[in-house]
C-alpha atoms as a PDB file:
ATOM      1  CA  MET A   1       7.042 -10.756  10.563  1.00  0.00           C
ATOM      2  CA  LYS A   2       4.061 -12.920   9.827  1.00  0.00           C
ATOM      3  CA  LYS A   3       2.211 -11.940   6.667  1.00  0.00           C
ATOM      4  CA  ASN A   4      -1.121 -10.289   7.378  1.00  0.00           C
ATOM      5  CA  MET A   5      -2.143  -9.162   3.892  1.00  0.00           C
ATOM      6  CA  GLY A   6      -3.983 -11.253   1.336  1.00  0.00           C
ATOM      7  CA  GLY A   7      -3.491 -11.197  -2.407  1.00  0.00           C
ATOM      8  CA  MET A   8      -6.375  -8.848  -3.153  1.00  0.00           C
ATOM      9  CA  ASP A   9      -5.238  -6.351  -0.525  1.00  0.00           C
ATOM     10  CA  ARG A  10      -1.684  -6.431  -1.865  1.00  0.00           C
ATOM     11  CA  GLY A  11      -2.853  -6.013  -5.458  1.00  0.00           C
ATOM     12  CA  ILE A  12      -5.072  -3.034  -4.659  1.00  0.00           C
ATOM     13  CA  ARG A  13      -2.271  -1.300  -2.769  1.00  0.00           C
ATOM     14  CA  PHE A  14       0.151  -1.924  -5.641  1.00  0.00           C
ATOM     15  CA  VAL A  15      -2.265  -0.477  -8.214  1.00  0.00           C
ATOM     16  CA  ILE A  16      -2.941   2.590  -6.054  1.00  0.00           C
ATOM     17  CA  ALA A  17       0.814   3.183  -5.727  1.00  0.00           C
ATOM     18  CA  LEU A  18       1.222   2.927  -9.504  1.00  0.00           C
ATOM     19  CA  VAL A  19      -1.655   5.363 -10.127  1.00  0.00           C
ATOM     20  CA  ILE A  20      -0.173   7.909  -7.722  1.00  0.00           C
ATOM     21  CA  ALA A  21       3.248   7.558  -9.386  1.00  0.00           C
ATOM     22  CA  ALA A  22       1.711   7.977 -12.844  1.00  0.00           C
ATOM     23  CA  LEU A  23      -0.172  11.112 -11.768  1.00  0.00           C
ATOM     24  CA  TYR A  24       3.003  12.564 -10.269  1.00  0.00           C
ATOM     25  CA  PHE A  25       5.193  11.873 -13.298  1.00  0.00           C
ATOM     26  CA  ARG A  26       2.550  13.266 -15.654  1.00  0.00           C
ATOM     27  CA  GLY A  27       2.664  16.516 -13.660  1.00  0.00           C
ATOM     28  CA  GLN A  28      -0.862  16.281 -12.315  1.00  0.00           C
ATOM     29  CA  LEU A  29       0.284  16.233  -8.689  1.00  0.00           C
ATOM     30  CA  ASN A  30       2.532  18.866  -7.172  1.00  0.00           C
ATOM     31  CA  GLY A  31       3.289  20.653  -3.935  1.00  0.00           C
ATOM     32  CA  GLY A  32       2.225  19.316  -0.566  1.00  0.00           C
ATOM     33  CA  LEU A  33      -0.337  16.935  -2.040  1.00  0.00           C
ATOM     34  CA  ALA A  34       2.351  15.279  -4.157  1.00  0.00           C
ATOM     35  CA  LEU A  35       4.562  14.852  -1.088  1.00  0.00           C
ATOM     36  CA  VAL A  36       1.820  13.303   1.049  1.00  0.00           C
ATOM     37  CA  LEU A  37       0.569  11.012  -1.709  1.00  0.00           C
ATOM     38  CA  GLY A  38       4.166  10.083  -2.570  1.00  0.00           C
ATOM     39  CA  ILE A  39       4.793   8.932   0.986  1.00  0.00           C
ATOM     40  CA  ILE A  40       1.551   6.948   0.946  1.00  0.00           C
ATOM     41  CA  ALA A  41       2.483   5.394  -2.408  1.00  0.00           C
ATOM     42  CA  ILE A  42       5.896   4.331  -1.110  1.00  0.00           C
ATOM     43  CA  ALA A  43       4.302   2.793   2.004  1.00  0.00           C
ATOM     44  CA  PHE A  44       1.698   0.985  -0.124  1.00  0.00           C
ATOM     45  CA  LEU A  45       4.388  -0.303  -2.483  1.00  0.00           C
ATOM     46  CA  ILE A  46       6.576  -1.638   0.337  1.00  0.00           C
ATOM     47  CA  THR A  47       3.696  -3.250   2.227  1.00  0.00           C
ATOM     48  CA  SER A  48       2.339  -4.841  -0.948  1.00  0.00           C
ATOM     49  CA  ILE A  49       5.720  -6.368  -1.765  1.00  0.00           C
ATOM     50  CA  VAL A  50       6.417  -7.578   1.787  1.00  0.00           C
ATOM     51  CA  GLY A  51       2.839  -8.685   2.543  1.00  0.00           C
ATOM     52  CA  TYR A  52       2.896  -7.168   6.019  1.00  0.00           C
ATOM     53  CA  CYS A  53       1.082  -4.044   7.210  1.00  0.00           C
ATOM     54  CA  PRO A  54       2.170  -2.773  10.647  1.00  0.00           C
ATOM     55  CA  VAL A  55      -1.066  -0.780  11.016  1.00  0.00           C
ATOM     56  CA  TYR A  56      -3.049  -4.025  10.918  1.00  0.00           C
ATOM     57  CA  VAL A  57      -1.301  -5.430  14.022  1.00  0.00           C
ATOM     58  CA  PRO A  58      -2.830  -3.183  16.746  1.00  0.00           C
ATOM     59  CA  LEU A  59      -6.186  -3.355  14.957  1.00  0.00           C
ATOM     60  CA  LYS A  60      -5.935  -7.181  14.842  1.00  0.00           C
ATOM     61  CA  ILE A  61      -6.728  -7.228  11.107  1.00  0.00           C
ATOM     62  CA  SER A  62      -5.567  -9.875   8.684  1.00  0.00           C
ATOM     63  CA  THR A  63      -6.716 -10.182   5.086  1.00  0.00           C
ATOM     64  CA  CYS A  64      -4.867 -13.474   4.561  1.00  0.00           C
ATOM     65  CA  LYS A  65      -6.941 -16.536   3.841  1.00  0.00           C
ATOM     66  CA  ARG A  66      -7.245 -18.790   6.862  1.00  0.00           C
ATOM     67  CA  THR A  67      -5.712 -22.237   6.589  1.00  0.00           C
ATOM     68  CA  THR A  68      -7.736 -24.217   9.138  1.00  0.00           C
END
């Protein structure tokens, strides 16, 4: 897997995942919304750590800085 996420993209996703987790553990999210946002938070956390977003591939998006 070639990285397709830049530092800013990864940082934003990581912060969003942390905010969702904080809202859940403070009891401000529950039910179906908590489940959906939890899945999104897990996906954001994994993609921010790995630096690869599979959704970007078919859309031909890359937020990495070009090295040309």
